[in-house]
N, C-alpha and C. Protein backbone atom coordinates (compact mmCIF):
# COMPACT_ATOMS: atom_id res chain seq x y z
N UNK A 1 1.03 -1.40 -0.27
CA UNK A 1 0.22 -0.17 0.37
C UNK A 1 1.18 1.58 -0.17
N UNK A 2 0.38 2.38 -0.86
CA UNK A 2 1.44 3.72 -0.75
C UNK A 2 0.86 4.55 0.21
N UNK A 3 1.77 5.55 0.80
CA UNK A 3 0.95 6.26 1.63
C UNK A 3 1.99 7.38 1.16
N UNK A 4 1.22 8.83 1.19
CA UNK A 4 2.04 9.96 1.04
C UNK A 4 2.04 10.62 2.10
N UNK A 5 3.30 10.71 2.52
CA UNK A 5 2.75 11.68 4.16
C UNK A 5 3.59 12.82 4.41
N UNK A 6 2.91 13.76 4.80
CA UNK A 6 3.29 14.99 4.95
C UNK A 6 4.14 15.77 6.27
N UNK A 7 5.18 16.00 6.14
CA UNK A 7 5.79 16.83 7.31
C UNK A 7 5.90 18.46 6.99
N UNK A 8 5.75 18.95 8.34
CA UNK A 8 6.42 20.15 8.44
C UNK A 8 4.89 21.56 8.30
N UNK A 9 3.85 21.20 9.09
CA UNK A 9 3.15 22.01 9.29
C UNK A 9 3.55 22.42 10.44
N UNK A 10 2.55 23.87 11.50
CA UNK A 10 3.01 24.37 12.15
C UNK A 10 2.55 26.02 11.90
N UNK A 11 2.62 26.67 12.79
CA UNK A 11 2.14 28.18 12.90
C UNK A 11 3.68 29.15 12.50
N UNK A 12 3.17 29.88 11.84
CA UNK A 12 4.04 30.20 10.83
C UNK A 12 4.00 31.95 10.67
N UNK A 13 5.03 32.69 11.21
CA UNK A 13 4.39 34.34 11.51
C UNK A 13 3.80 35.15 9.78
N UNK A 14 3.32 36.01 9.75
CA UNK A 14 3.29 36.76 8.36
C UNK A 14 4.34 36.95 8.02
N UNK A 15 4.68 37.12 6.39
CA UNK A 15 6.11 37.38 6.55
C UNK A 15 7.22 36.11 5.94
N UNK A 16 7.25 35.15 7.13
CA UNK A 16 7.92 34.58 7.31
C UNK A 16 8.12 33.17 6.22
N UNK A 17 8.92 32.59 6.28
CA UNK A 17 9.14 31.36 5.47
C UNK A 17 9.24 30.33 6.49
N UNK A 18 8.85 29.23 5.90
CA UNK A 18 8.44 27.67 5.99
C UNK A 18 8.24 26.87 4.84
N UNK A 19 8.60 25.46 4.47
CA UNK A 19 9.30 24.59 4.01
C UNK A 19 8.36 22.86 4.70
N UNK A 20 7.37 22.75 3.89
CA UNK A 20 6.64 21.41 3.66
C UNK A 20 7.52 20.43 2.92
N UNK A 21 7.12 18.55 3.31
CA UNK A 21 8.63 18.21 2.49
C UNK A 21 6.49 16.29 2.15
N UNK A 22 7.12 16.26 1.60
CA UNK A 22 5.95 14.92 1.66
C UNK A 22 7.19 13.33 0.85
N UNK A 23 6.53 12.58 1.62
CA UNK A 23 7.53 11.61 1.14
C UNK A 23 6.99 10.33 0.79
N UNK A 24 6.64 9.34 -0.46
CA UNK A 24 6.05 8.46 -0.62
C UNK A 24 6.58 7.15 0.11
N UNK A 25 5.79 6.56 1.10
CA UNK A 25 6.45 4.91 1.61
C UNK A 25 5.01 3.88 1.05
N UNK A 26 6.10 2.81 1.70
CA UNK A 26 5.18 1.40 0.66
C UNK A 26 5.80 0.64 -0.63
N UNK A 27 4.84 0.51 -1.42
CA UNK A 27 5.21 -0.41 -2.27
C UNK A 27 6.30 1.04 -3.53
N UNK A 28 6.99 1.12 -3.67
CA UNK A 28 7.80 2.09 -4.32
C UNK A 28 7.46 2.17 -6.05
N UNK A 29 6.94 3.50 -6.02
CA UNK A 29 6.31 3.65 -7.55
C UNK A 29 7.43 4.69 -7.68
N UNK A 30 7.14 4.74 -9.80
CA UNK A 30 7.94 6.14 -10.27
C UNK A 30 6.26 6.47 -10.26
N UNK A 31 6.93 8.09 -9.58
CA UNK A 31 6.09 8.89 -9.75
C UNK A 31 5.90 10.23 -11.44
N UNK A 32 4.74 10.18 -11.79
CA UNK A 32 4.90 10.90 -12.85
C UNK A 32 4.61 12.27 -12.66
N UNK A 33 4.09 13.02 -11.51
CA UNK A 33 3.44 14.33 -11.59
C UNK A 33 3.37 13.89 -9.57
N UNK A 34 3.75 14.89 -8.70
CA UNK A 34 4.25 15.30 -7.33
C UNK A 34 3.53 16.66 -7.40
N UNK A 35 2.99 16.70 -6.11
CA UNK A 35 2.53 17.90 -5.19
C UNK A 35 1.90 18.28 -4.57
N UNK A 36 1.79 19.81 -4.55
CA UNK A 36 1.14 19.97 -3.34
C UNK A 36 -0.48 20.82 -3.64
N UNK A 37 -1.57 20.67 -3.21
CA UNK A 37 -2.72 21.23 -3.14
C UNK A 37 -3.14 21.80 -1.97
N UNK A 38 -4.10 22.78 -1.45
CA UNK A 38 -4.46 23.32 -0.02
C UNK A 38 -5.67 23.83 -0.13
N UNK A 39 -6.17 23.01 1.08
CA UNK A 39 -8.07 24.07 1.51
C UNK A 39 -7.63 24.48 2.22
N UNK A 40 -8.09 25.91 2.57
CA UNK A 40 -9.02 26.91 3.38
C UNK A 40 -9.85 26.43 3.49
N UNK A 41 -10.07 26.96 5.30
CA UNK A 41 -11.70 25.97 6.01
C UNK A 41 -12.77 27.57 4.82
N UNK A 42 -13.41 27.03 4.39
CA UNK A 42 -14.79 27.56 3.93
C UNK A 42 -14.38 27.59 2.40
N UNK A 43 -13.59 26.91 1.85
CA UNK A 43 -12.88 27.06 0.46
C UNK A 43 -12.64 26.01 -0.29
N UNK A 44 -12.65 26.13 -1.56
CA UNK A 44 -12.50 24.63 -2.41
C UNK A 44 -10.89 24.19 -2.55
N UNK A 45 -10.82 23.15 -2.31
CA UNK A 45 -9.45 22.81 -3.07
C UNK A 45 -8.60 23.30 -3.91
N UNK A 46 -7.61 24.19 -3.97
CA UNK A 46 -7.23 24.44 -5.17
C UNK A 46 -4.96 24.06 -5.12
N UNK A 47 -5.00 24.70 -6.09
CA UNK A 47 -3.74 24.08 -6.82
C UNK A 47 -2.65 24.37 -5.83
N UNK A 48 -1.87 24.59 -4.73
CA UNK A 48 -0.35 25.07 -4.88
C UNK A 48 0.73 25.42 -5.63
N UNK A 49 1.12 24.06 -6.09
CA UNK A 49 2.19 23.85 -7.23
C UNK A 49 2.33 22.33 -7.47
N UNK A 50 2.74 22.02 -8.70
CA UNK A 50 2.95 20.37 -8.91
C UNK A 50 4.62 20.39 -10.08
N UNK A 51 5.06 19.55 -10.28
CA UNK A 51 6.55 19.00 -10.58
C UNK A 51 6.51 18.02 -11.47
N UNK A 52 6.97 17.62 -12.73
CA UNK A 52 6.50 16.45 -13.30
C UNK A 52 8.31 16.05 -13.20
N UNK A 53 8.13 14.25 -13.78
CA UNK A 53 9.32 13.94 -13.55
C UNK A 53 9.98 14.73 -14.57
N UNK A 54 10.00 15.49 -15.26
CA UNK A 54 11.29 16.02 -15.99
C UNK A 54 11.41 17.35 -15.40
N UNK A 55 10.89 17.92 -14.35
CA UNK A 55 11.15 18.83 -13.56
C UNK A 55 10.35 20.48 -14.23
N UNK A 56 8.87 20.01 -14.92
CA UNK A 56 8.56 21.15 -15.45
C UNK A 56 7.72 21.35 -14.50
N UNK A 57 7.21 22.28 -13.79
CA UNK A 57 6.40 23.17 -12.47
C UNK A 57 5.23 23.98 -13.12
N UNK A 58 4.46 23.67 -12.23
CA UNK A 58 3.03 24.49 -12.20
C UNK A 58 2.84 25.46 -10.98
N UNK A 59 2.65 26.33 -11.22
CA UNK A 59 2.83 26.95 -10.09
C UNK A 59 1.29 27.74 -10.30
N UNK A 60 0.45 27.63 -8.51
CA UNK A 60 -0.68 28.62 -9.06
C UNK A 60 -0.28 30.45 -8.88
N UNK A 61 -1.42 30.62 -9.06
CA UNK A 61 -1.55 32.08 -9.39
C UNK A 61 -1.66 32.91 -8.13
N UNK A 62 -2.06 32.53 -7.06
CA UNK A 62 -2.08 32.92 -5.69
C UNK A 62 -0.55 32.56 -5.28
N UNK A 63 0.63 31.78 -5.76
CA UNK A 63 1.83 31.74 -4.61
C UNK A 63 3.11 31.81 -5.84
N UNK A 64 2.63 32.06 -7.12
CA UNK A 64 3.97 32.31 -7.84
C UNK A 64 4.41 33.74 -7.45
N UNK A 65 6.24 33.65 -7.31
CA UNK A 65 7.14 34.20 -6.98
C UNK A 65 6.86 33.99 -5.61
N UNK A 66 6.44 33.26 -5.00
CA UNK A 66 6.58 33.41 -3.19
C UNK A 66 6.90 31.82 -2.80
N UNK A 67 6.71 30.34 -3.44
CA UNK A 67 6.53 29.82 -3.16
C UNK A 67 7.38 28.71 -4.27
N UNK A 68 8.14 27.60 -4.28
CA UNK A 68 9.12 27.37 -4.89
C UNK A 68 8.61 25.31 -4.68
N UNK A 69 8.11 24.81 -5.30
CA UNK A 69 8.52 23.26 -5.42
C UNK A 69 9.52 22.68 -5.95
N UNK A 70 10.01 21.59 -5.62
CA UNK A 70 11.06 20.95 -5.96
C UNK A 70 10.65 19.28 -5.73
N UNK A 71 12.05 18.18 -6.04
CA UNK A 71 11.37 16.78 -5.64
C UNK A 71 12.83 16.27 -5.78
N UNK A 72 13.11 15.41 -5.19
CA UNK A 72 14.35 14.36 -5.81
C UNK A 72 13.84 13.42 -7.12
N UNK A 73 14.78 12.24 -7.17
CA UNK A 73 14.70 11.45 -8.28
C UNK A 73 13.49 10.50 -7.66
N UNK A 74 13.28 9.94 -6.41
CA UNK A 74 12.78 9.40 -5.65
C UNK A 74 11.14 9.91 -5.40
N UNK A 75 10.92 9.72 -4.28
CA UNK A 75 9.66 9.19 -3.77
C UNK A 75 9.47 10.65 -2.73
N UNK A 76 10.06 11.74 -2.72
CA UNK A 76 10.20 13.16 -2.01
C UNK A 76 9.67 14.26 -3.01
N UNK A 77 8.62 14.72 -2.13
CA UNK A 77 8.08 16.35 -3.18
C UNK A 77 8.50 17.52 -1.50
N UNK A 78 9.06 18.40 -2.35
CA UNK A 78 9.11 19.68 -1.05
C UNK A 78 8.71 20.76 -1.59
N UNK A 79 8.19 21.88 -0.20
CA UNK A 79 7.56 23.19 -0.86
C UNK A 79 8.28 24.28 -0.38
N UNK A 80 8.59 25.02 -0.60
CA UNK A 80 9.17 26.21 -0.04
C UNK A 80 8.07 27.35 -0.46
N UNK A 81 7.68 27.71 0.92
CA UNK A 81 7.39 28.63 1.14
C UNK A 81 8.19 30.36 1.49
N UNK A 82 7.64 31.01 0.83
CA UNK A 82 8.31 32.82 1.37
C UNK A 82 7.34 33.79 1.52
N UNK A 83 7.45 34.58 2.27
CA UNK A 83 7.01 35.77 1.96
C UNK A 83 5.01 35.43 2.13
N UNK A 84 4.97 34.62 3.63
CA UNK A 84 3.67 34.03 3.74
C UNK A 84 2.97 34.80 3.92
N UNK A 85 1.73 34.53 4.22
CA UNK A 85 0.64 35.87 3.87
C UNK A 85 -0.72 35.17 5.41
N UNK A 86 -1.61 35.97 5.25
CA UNK A 86 -2.83 35.46 6.74
C UNK A 86 -3.57 34.64 5.55
N UNK A 87 -3.37 33.86 4.12
CA UNK A 87 -4.57 33.64 3.57
C UNK A 87 -3.84 32.36 3.07
N UNK A 88 -2.76 32.51 3.22
CA UNK A 88 -2.30 31.08 3.01
C UNK A 88 -2.35 30.33 4.07
N UNK A 89 -3.34 30.76 5.43
CA UNK A 89 -3.93 29.32 5.90
C UNK A 89 -4.42 28.17 5.54
N UNK A 90 -4.30 26.91 5.87
CA UNK A 90 -4.16 26.17 5.28
C UNK A 90 -4.24 24.78 5.38
N UNK A 91 -5.27 24.03 4.77
CA UNK A 91 -4.40 22.09 5.05
C UNK A 91 -3.57 22.26 3.64
N UNK A 92 -2.27 21.43 4.25
CA UNK A 92 -1.95 21.30 2.52
C UNK A 92 -1.68 19.68 2.37
N UNK A 93 -2.26 19.40 1.35
CA UNK A 93 -2.26 17.55 0.97
C UNK A 93 -0.98 17.74 -0.05
N UNK A 94 -0.28 16.60 -0.35
CA UNK A 94 0.75 16.13 -1.37
C UNK A 94 -0.09 15.72 -1.86
N UNK A 95 0.13 15.34 -3.12
CA UNK A 95 -0.24 14.55 -4.47
C UNK A 95 0.56 14.05 -5.10
N UNK A 96 0.48 12.93 -5.55
CA UNK A 96 0.85 12.22 -6.25
C UNK A 96 0.17 11.58 -7.68
N UNK A 97 0.71 11.50 -8.94
CA UNK A 97 0.10 10.55 -9.88
C UNK A 97 1.32 9.26 -10.13
N UNK A 98 0.76 8.16 -10.06
CA UNK A 98 1.97 7.26 -10.71
C UNK A 98 2.02 7.09 -12.04
N UNK A 99 2.88 6.87 -12.74
CA UNK A 99 3.69 6.50 -14.16
C UNK A 99 2.27 5.04 -14.24
N UNK A 100 1.85 4.87 -15.08
CA UNK A 100 0.58 4.03 -15.42
C UNK A 100 -0.81 4.51 -15.13
N UNK A 101 -0.41 5.59 -14.16
CA UNK A 101 -2.36 5.64 -13.61
C UNK A 101 -2.09 5.43 -12.13
N UNK A 102 -3.28 5.93 -11.81
CA UNK A 102 -3.34 6.21 -10.13
C UNK A 102 -3.18 7.50 -9.45
N UNK A 103 -3.89 8.31 -8.59
CA UNK A 103 -3.58 9.10 -8.15
C UNK A 103 -3.86 8.44 -6.20
N UNK A 104 -3.07 9.76 -5.46
CA UNK A 104 -2.69 9.27 -4.62
C UNK A 104 -2.77 10.75 -3.29
N UNK A 105 -3.38 10.76 -2.44
CA UNK A 105 -3.13 11.75 -1.72
C UNK A 105 -2.79 11.82 -0.17
N UNK A 106 -2.29 12.62 0.06
CA UNK A 106 -1.09 12.11 1.23
C UNK A 106 -2.97 12.86 2.68
N UNK A 107 -2.79 12.83 3.85
CA UNK A 107 -4.22 13.50 4.75
C UNK A 107 -4.32 14.71 4.92
N UNK A 108 -2.97 15.17 4.56
CA UNK A 108 -2.72 16.46 4.93
C UNK A 108 -1.89 17.48 5.85
N UNK A 109 -1.36 18.60 5.91
CA UNK A 109 -0.89 18.55 7.40
C UNK A 109 -1.20 20.33 7.23
N UNK A 110 -1.54 21.42 8.54
CA UNK A 110 -2.17 22.24 8.99
C UNK A 110 -0.89 22.98 8.76
N UNK A 111 -1.29 24.44 7.76
CA UNK A 111 -0.15 25.48 8.00
C UNK A 111 -1.17 26.52 8.58
N UNK A 112 -0.37 27.44 9.69
CA UNK A 112 -1.52 28.42 9.73
C UNK A 112 -0.86 29.86 10.04
N UNK A 113 -0.80 30.47 9.23
CA UNK A 113 -0.12 31.98 9.30
C UNK A 113 -1.21 33.04 9.96
N UNK A 114 -0.04 33.52 11.38
CA UNK A 114 0.20 34.51 12.14
C UNK A 114 -0.01 36.12 11.94
N UNK A 115 -0.99 36.66 12.47
CA UNK A 115 -0.35 37.92 12.30
C UNK A 115 0.66 38.72 13.04
C-alpha cells in the first residue's frame, strides 16, 4: 500500500518562510507528477504547485513568486514557502500521480499563518 506522508506543518508568522515535505512510503512507484494542493476553511481545494518527472513546474497564481516546489529522483517532494500571508493558512495536501495511472493523496498538514 502506498502512502504519501506530509511533514512540516505548523504556526508561522506572516512574512516568514516555512517548508513542507512529502515522502512516499510503501510500494515504490515511479511518479509522473507530484505536487501540493491546499484547502482553506470554507473554500475549495486549490492547486499550490506540481512538478513532473522532468522537473517541469506549475505554480498556482496565488503563490507564484513566493512558493517553490522541488523533488528528488525518488519519492519526495518539497515546498518552500516564502513571504507567507494570512491567506496561506490552509491544510496542505501532498499529491502524486503514478506512472501508468493512479492518483494518491496524503492526509494533509495544517499551516497556520499568524499576524
